[in-house]
């Protein structure tokens, strides 16, 4: 029976990882665009929420800052939940790991479209979903941040600097750079799609 060569198998695995990471980054970009447009808060990019929190505390007081505190806390809670599930349950956590983030995004959408006084807080579901997604992709097999662009741009810059110095990139470097470029582009495409959808 014909067996794939290790190099071919490795390339196929890298391409699948890159495609999956780009898909998840698209979701994060889409989510952030929708959350910013609808709630004035980022679902994934907590750096932006931290800046907004500081501005709210300076200009508007604690009441206006509450939503940013809640969203940041929800994102951290998502990270804690995902990391704890992986550590405690191992493979048994896989179904929940796959279903919880999209389920939370659906909950955000459903609550946001109700007349409930809790509707403005629906963004916390999106923040928790993005925290779970980032914990899963950053520490898992994908080994890339799918919700924040800055770290990926830094990796691209580091690899570009090595090329400019004449260093020969390793296959791992090529794979990581390709993945970071794909994730960055997918985030932008997701954001554009989110704005178009609204």
C-alpha atoms as a PDB file:
ATOM      1  CA  UNK A   1       0.000   0.000   0.000  1.00  0.00           C
ATOM      2  CA  UNK A   2       1.240   3.465  -0.865  1.00  0.00           C
ATOM      3  CA  UNK A   3       2.103   5.511   2.184  1.00  0.00           C
ATOM      4  CA  UNK A   4       2.534   9.289   2.128  1.00  0.00           C
ATOM      5  CA  UNK A   5       6.072  10.493   2.580  1.00  0.00           C
ATOM      6  CA  UNK A   6       6.799  12.139   5.942  1.00  0.00           C
ATOM      7  CA  UNK A   7       7.550  15.475   4.264  1.00  0.00           C
ATOM      8  CA  UNK A   8       4.292  15.360   2.317  1.00  0.00           C
ATOM      9  CA  UNK A   9       2.358  14.402   5.434  1.00  0.00           C
ATOM     10  CA  UNK A  10       4.001  17.236   7.361  1.00  0.00           C
ATOM     11  CA  UNK A  11       3.094  19.751   4.654  1.00  0.00           C
ATOM     12  CA  UNK A  12      -0.481  18.483   4.604  1.00  0.00           C
ATOM     13  CA  UNK A  13      -0.722  18.772   8.385  1.00  0.00           C
ATOM     14  CA  UNK A  14       0.714  22.290   8.339  1.00  0.00           C
ATOM     15  CA  UNK A  15      -1.737  23.356   5.628  1.00  0.00           C
ATOM     16  CA  UNK A  16      -4.661  21.972   7.630  1.00  0.00           C
ATOM     17  CA  UNK A  17      -3.492  23.749  10.787  1.00  0.00           C
ATOM     18  CA  UNK A  18      -3.081  27.021   8.891  1.00  0.00           C
ATOM     19  CA  UNK A  19      -6.546  26.714   7.348  1.00  0.00           C
ATOM     20  CA  UNK A  20      -8.139  25.946  10.715  1.00  0.00           C
ATOM     21  CA  UNK A  21      -6.307  28.813  12.429  1.00  0.00           C
ATOM     22  CA  UNK A  22      -7.344  31.215   9.666  1.00  0.00           C
ATOM     23  CA  UNK A  23     -10.956  30.099   9.989  1.00  0.00           C
ATOM     24  CA  UNK A  24     -10.959  30.726  13.721  1.00  0.00           C
ATOM     25  CA  UNK A  25      -9.280  34.118  13.221  1.00  0.00           C
ATOM     26  CA  UNK A  26     -11.997  35.013  10.713  1.00  0.00           C
ATOM     27  CA  UNK A  27     -14.592  34.267  13.400  1.00  0.00           C
ATOM     28  CA  UNK A  28     -12.708  36.447  15.894  1.00  0.00           C
ATOM     29  CA  UNK A  29     -12.483  39.352  13.440  1.00  0.00           C
ATOM     30  CA  UNK A  30     -16.161  39.006  12.592  1.00  0.00           C
ATOM     31  CA  UNK A  31     -17.073  38.884  16.289  1.00  0.00           C
ATOM     32  CA  UNK A  32     -15.016  41.952  17.148  1.00  0.00           C
ATOM     33  CA  UNK A  33     -16.490  44.028  14.324  1.00  0.00           C
ATOM     34  CA  UNK A  34     -20.031  43.100  15.340  1.00  0.00           C
ATOM     35  CA  UNK A  35     -19.358  43.690  19.046  1.00  0.00           C
ATOM     36  CA  UNK A  36     -17.743  47.087  18.500  1.00  0.00           C
ATOM     37  CA  UNK A  37     -20.533  48.205  16.171  1.00  0.00           C
ATOM     38  CA  UNK A  38     -23.335  46.876  18.384  1.00  0.00           C
ATOM     39  CA  UNK A  39     -21.980  47.295  21.927  1.00  0.00           C
ATOM     40  CA  UNK A  40     -19.006  49.648  21.617  1.00  0.00           C
ATOM     41  CA  UNK A  41     -16.838  46.916  23.178  1.00  0.00           C
ATOM     42  CA  UNK A  42     -14.415  44.365  21.740  1.00  0.00           C
ATOM     43  CA  UNK A  43     -15.330  40.714  22.118  1.00  0.00           C
ATOM     44  CA  UNK A  44     -11.826  39.357  21.500  1.00  0.00           C
ATOM     45  CA  UNK A  45      -9.273  42.190  21.695  1.00  0.00           C
ATOM     46  CA  UNK A  46      -8.932  42.856  25.396  1.00  0.00           C
ATOM     47  CA  UNK A  47      -6.120  45.378  24.855  1.00  0.00           C
ATOM     48  CA  UNK A  48      -8.715  47.636  23.262  1.00  0.00           C
ATOM     49  CA  UNK A  49     -11.099  47.063  26.162  1.00  0.00           C
ATOM     50  CA  UNK A  50      -8.361  47.869  28.672  1.00  0.00           C
ATOM     51  CA  UNK A  51      -7.748  51.188  26.882  1.00  0.00           C
ATOM     52  CA  UNK A  52     -11.485  51.887  26.790  1.00  0.00           C
ATOM     53  CA  UNK A  53     -11.675  51.039  30.498  1.00  0.00           C
ATOM     54  CA  UNK A  54      -8.983  53.565  31.349  1.00  0.00           C
ATOM     55  CA  UNK A  55     -10.665  56.210  29.222  1.00  0.00           C
ATOM     56  CA  UNK A  56     -14.048  55.534  30.832  1.00  0.00           C
ATOM     57  CA  UNK A  57     -12.593  55.770  34.331  1.00  0.00           C
ATOM     58  CA  UNK A  58     -10.930  59.055  33.429  1.00  0.00           C
ATOM     59  CA  UNK A  59     -13.818  60.685  31.586  1.00  0.00           C
ATOM     60  CA  UNK A  60     -17.077  59.076  32.716  1.00  0.00           C
ATOM     61  CA  UNK A  61     -16.577  57.392  36.073  1.00  0.00           C
ATOM     62  CA  UNK A  62     -17.008  53.835  37.397  1.00  0.00           C
ATOM     63  CA  UNK A  63     -20.555  53.292  36.092  1.00  0.00           C
ATOM     64  CA  UNK A  64     -19.499  53.693  32.461  1.00  0.00           C
ATOM     65  CA  UNK A  65     -16.467  51.482  33.061  1.00  0.00           C
ATOM     66  CA  UNK A  66     -18.514  48.554  34.390  1.00  0.00           C
ATOM     67  CA  UNK A  67     -19.156  46.950  31.015  1.00  0.00           C
ATOM     68  CA  UNK A  68     -15.447  46.917  30.163  1.00  0.00           C
ATOM     69  CA  UNK A  69     -14.611  45.301  33.510  1.00  0.00           C
ATOM     70  CA  UNK A  70     -17.319  42.687  32.927  1.00  0.00           C
ATOM     71  CA  UNK A  71     -16.096  41.885  29.403  1.00  0.00           C
ATOM     72  CA  UNK A  72     -12.452  41.553  30.461  1.00  0.00           C
ATOM     73  CA  UNK A  73     -13.506  39.316  33.362  1.00  0.00           C
ATOM     74  CA  UNK A  74     -15.641  37.185  31.020  1.00  0.00           C
ATOM     75  CA  UNK A  75     -12.704  36.740  28.656  1.00  0.00           C
ATOM     76  CA  UNK A  76     -10.445  35.617  31.505  1.00  0.00           C
ATOM     77  CA  UNK A  77     -13.188  33.277  32.734  1.00  0.00           C
ATOM     78  CA  UNK A  78     -13.297  31.717  29.269  1.00  0.00           C
ATOM     79  CA  UNK A  79      -9.547  31.099  29.372  1.00  0.00           C
ATOM     80  CA  UNK A  80      -9.806  29.569  32.855  1.00  0.00           C
ATOM     81  CA  UNK A  81     -12.690  27.308  31.808  1.00  0.00           C
ATOM     82  CA  UNK A  82     -10.949  26.046  28.667  1.00  0.00           C
ATOM     83  CA  UNK A  83      -7.580  25.484  30.328  1.00  0.00           C
ATOM     84  CA  UNK A  84      -9.190  23.730  33.294  1.00  0.00           C
ATOM     85  CA  UNK A  85     -11.259  21.506  31.034  1.00  0.00           C
ATOM     86  CA  UNK A  86      -8.208  20.442  29.033  1.00  0.00           C
ATOM     87  CA  UNK A  87      -6.146  19.804  32.174  1.00  0.00           C
ATOM     88  CA  UNK A  88      -8.818  17.911  34.111  1.00  0.00           C
ATOM     89  CA  UNK A  89     -10.664  15.985  31.410  1.00  0.00           C
ATOM     90  CA  UNK A  90      -8.148  15.590  28.592  1.00  0.00           C
ATOM     91  CA  UNK A  91      -9.717  14.083  25.426  1.00  0.00           C
ATOM     92  CA  UNK A  92     -13.119  13.876  27.129  1.00  0.00           C
ATOM     93  CA  UNK A  93     -13.173  17.682  27.041  1.00  0.00           C
ATOM     94  CA  UNK A  94     -12.937  17.753  23.218  1.00  0.00           C
ATOM     95  CA  UNK A  95     -16.702  17.868  22.489  1.00  0.00           C
ATOM     96  CA  UNK A  96     -17.189  20.730  24.937  1.00  0.00           C
ATOM     97  CA  UNK A  97     -14.101  22.512  23.617  1.00  0.00           C
ATOM     98  CA  UNK A  98     -15.531  22.365  20.106  1.00  0.00           C
ATOM     99  CA  UNK A  99     -19.096  23.339  20.998  1.00  0.00           C
ATOM    100  CA  UNK A 100     -18.825  25.890  23.808  1.00  0.00           C
ATOM    101  CA  UNK A 101     -17.287  28.860  21.906  1.00  0.00           C
ATOM    102  CA  UNK A 102     -19.843  28.823  19.048  1.00  0.00           C
ATOM    103  CA  UNK A 103     -22.594  28.167  21.593  1.00  0.00           C
ATOM    104  CA  UNK A 104     -21.569  31.247  23.548  1.00  0.00           C
ATOM    105  CA  UNK A 105     -21.490  33.330  20.366  1.00  0.00           C
ATOM    106  CA  UNK A 106     -25.010  32.130  19.583  1.00  0.00           C
ATOM    107  CA  UNK A 107     -26.106  33.065  23.114  1.00  0.00           C
ATOM    108  CA  UNK A 108     -24.643  36.540  22.576  1.00  0.00           C
ATOM    109  CA  UNK A 109     -26.599  36.970  19.356  1.00  0.00           C
ATOM    110  CA  UNK A 110     -29.861  35.712  20.844  1.00  0.00           C
ATOM    111  CA  UNK A 111     -29.671  37.847  23.986  1.00  0.00           C
ATOM    112  CA  UNK A 112     -28.610  40.945  22.061  1.00  0.00           C
ATOM    113  CA  UNK A 113     -31.775  40.725  19.964  1.00  0.00           C
ATOM    114  CA  UNK A 114     -34.181  40.567  22.899  1.00  0.00           C
ATOM    115  CA  UNK A 115     -35.837  43.484  24.706  1.00  0.00           C
ATOM    116  CA  UNK A 116     -34.268  42.273  27.955  1.00  0.00           C
ATOM    117  CA  UNK A 117     -32.439  44.834  30.118  1.00  0.00           C
ATOM    118  CA  UNK A 118     -29.557  42.337  30.028  1.00  0.00           C
ATOM    119  CA  UNK A 119     -29.159  42.719  26.258  1.00  0.00           C
ATOM    120  CA  UNK A 120     -26.291  45.265  26.536  1.00  0.00           C
ATOM    121  CA  UNK A 121     -24.353  42.656  28.546  1.00  0.00           C
ATOM    122  CA  UNK A 122     -24.662  39.979  25.852  1.00  0.00           C
ATOM    123  CA  UNK A 123     -21.171  40.899  24.714  1.00  0.00           C
ATOM    124  CA  UNK A 124     -19.840  39.051  27.787  1.00  0.00           C
ATOM    125  CA  UNK A 125     -20.793  35.775  26.081  1.00  0.00           C
ATOM    126  CA  UNK A 126     -18.710  36.726  23.042  1.00  0.00           C
ATOM    127  CA  UNK A 127     -15.782  37.693  25.255  1.00  0.00           C
ATOM    128  CA  UNK A 128     -15.925  34.350  27.064  1.00  0.00           C
ATOM    129  CA  UNK A 129     -16.083  32.514  23.723  1.00  0.00           C
ATOM    130  CA  UNK A 130     -13.017  34.330  22.435  1.00  0.00           C
ATOM    131  CA  UNK A 131     -11.142  33.642  25.675  1.00  0.00           C
ATOM    132  CA  UNK A 132     -11.891  29.931  25.299  1.00  0.00           C
ATOM    133  CA  UNK A 133     -10.863  29.976  21.644  1.00  0.00           C
ATOM    134  CA  UNK A 134      -7.587  31.710  22.350  1.00  0.00           C
ATOM    135  CA  UNK A 135      -6.685  29.357  25.199  1.00  0.00           C
ATOM    136  CA  UNK A 136      -7.381  26.391  22.937  1.00  0.00           C
ATOM    137  CA  UNK A 137      -5.436  27.609  19.905  1.00  0.00           C
ATOM    138  CA  UNK A 138      -2.476  29.252  21.616  1.00  0.00           C
ATOM    139  CA  UNK A 139      -1.540  26.314  23.833  1.00  0.00           C
ATOM    140  CA  UNK A 140      -2.811  23.537  21.555  1.00  0.00           C
ATOM    141  CA  UNK A 141      -1.518  22.040  18.336  1.00  0.00           C
ATOM    142  CA  UNK A 142      -2.171  25.223  16.341  1.00  0.00           C
ATOM    143  CA  UNK A 143       0.227  27.205  18.578  1.00  0.00           C
ATOM    144  CA  UNK A 144      -0.990  30.557  17.275  1.00  0.00           C
ATOM    145  CA  UNK A 145      -3.078  33.400  18.626  1.00  0.00           C
ATOM    146  CA  UNK A 146      -6.361  33.548  16.719  1.00  0.00           C
ATOM    147  CA  UNK A 147      -7.929  36.512  18.523  1.00  0.00           C
ATOM    148  CA  UNK A 148      -5.118  39.087  18.757  1.00  0.00           C
ATOM    149  CA  UNK A 149      -3.074  40.310  15.789  1.00  0.00           C
ATOM    150  CA  UNK A 150      -0.192  42.050  17.596  1.00  0.00           C
ATOM    151  CA  UNK A 151       1.648  38.912  18.708  1.00  0.00           C
ATOM    152  CA  UNK A 152       1.421  37.425  15.225  1.00  0.00           C
ATOM    153  CA  UNK A 153       2.763  40.616  13.644  1.00  0.00           C
ATOM    154  CA  UNK A 154       5.691  40.453  16.066  1.00  0.00           C
ATOM    155  CA  UNK A 155       6.498  36.893  14.960  1.00  0.00           C
ATOM    156  CA  UNK A 156       6.305  37.948  11.303  1.00  0.00           C
ATOM    157  CA  UNK A 157       8.677  40.837  12.029  1.00  0.00           C
ATOM    158  CA  UNK A 158      11.166  38.602  13.865  1.00  0.00           C
ATOM    159  CA  UNK A 159      11.271  36.123  10.979  1.00  0.00           C
ATOM    160  CA  UNK A 160      11.612  38.984   8.466  1.00  0.00           C
ATOM    161  CA  UNK A 161      14.569  40.352  10.442  1.00  0.00           C
ATOM    162  CA  UNK A 162      16.248  36.935  10.354  1.00  0.00           C
ATOM    163  CA  UNK A 163      15.800  36.782   6.578  1.00  0.00           C
ATOM    164  CA  UNK A 164      17.304  40.258   6.204  1.00  0.00           C
ATOM    165  CA  UNK A 165      20.315  39.082   8.231  1.00  0.00           C
ATOM    166  CA  UNK A 166      20.764  36.208   5.806  1.00  0.00           C
ATOM    167  CA  UNK A 167      19.607  33.448   8.150  1.00  0.00           C
ATOM    168  CA  UNK A 168      18.077  30.434   6.438  1.00  0.00           C
ATOM    169  CA  UNK A 169      14.573  29.821   7.789  1.00  0.00           C
ATOM    170  CA  UNK A 170      13.791  26.395   9.170  1.00  0.00           C
ATOM    171  CA  UNK A 171      10.656  24.538   8.013  1.00  0.00           C
ATOM    172  CA  UNK A 172       9.153  25.351  11.413  1.00  0.00           C
ATOM    173  CA  UNK A 173       9.844  29.073  10.884  1.00  0.00           C
ATOM    174  CA  UNK A 174       8.224  28.969   7.437  1.00  0.00           C
ATOM    175  CA  UNK A 175       5.151  27.203   8.818  1.00  0.00           C
ATOM    176  CA  UNK A 176       4.808  29.623  11.732  1.00  0.00           C
ATOM    177  CA  UNK A 177       5.226  32.703   9.528  1.00  0.00           C
ATOM    178  CA  UNK A 178       2.716  31.392   6.993  1.00  0.00           C
ATOM    179  CA  UNK A 179       0.257  30.692   9.784  1.00  0.00           C
ATOM    180  CA  UNK A 180       0.697  34.186  11.278  1.00  0.00           C
ATOM    181  CA  UNK A 181       0.200  35.872   7.904  1.00  0.00           C
ATOM    182  CA  UNK A 182      -2.897  33.776   7.192  1.00  0.00           C
ATOM    183  CA  UNK A 183      -4.362  34.511  10.626  1.00  0.00           C
ATOM    184  CA  UNK A 184      -3.745  38.255  10.281  1.00  0.00           C
ATOM    185  CA  UNK A 185      -5.366  38.392   6.841  1.00  0.00           C
ATOM    186  CA  UNK A 186      -8.292  36.261   8.031  1.00  0.00           C
ATOM    187  CA  UNK A 187      -8.884  38.597  10.980  1.00  0.00           C
ATOM    188  CA  UNK A 188      -9.096  41.569   8.606  1.00  0.00           C
ATOM    189  CA  UNK A 189     -11.418  39.648   6.275  1.00  0.00           C
ATOM    190  CA  UNK A 190     -13.599  38.638   9.209  1.00  0.00           C
ATOM    191  CA  UNK A 191     -13.872  42.215  10.422  1.00  0.00           C
ATOM    192  CA  UNK A 192     -14.826  43.425   6.962  1.00  0.00           C
ATOM    193  CA  UNK A 193     -17.442  40.680   6.719  1.00  0.00           C
ATOM    194  CA  UNK A 194     -18.830  41.556  10.139  1.00  0.00           C
ATOM    195  CA  UNK A 195     -19.327  45.165   9.125  1.00  0.00           C
ATOM    196  CA  UNK A 196     -20.943  44.109   5.850  1.00  0.00           C
ATOM    197  CA  UNK A 197     -23.273  41.711   7.696  1.00  0.00           C
ATOM    198  CA  UNK A 198     -24.506  44.484   9.966  1.00  0.00           C
END
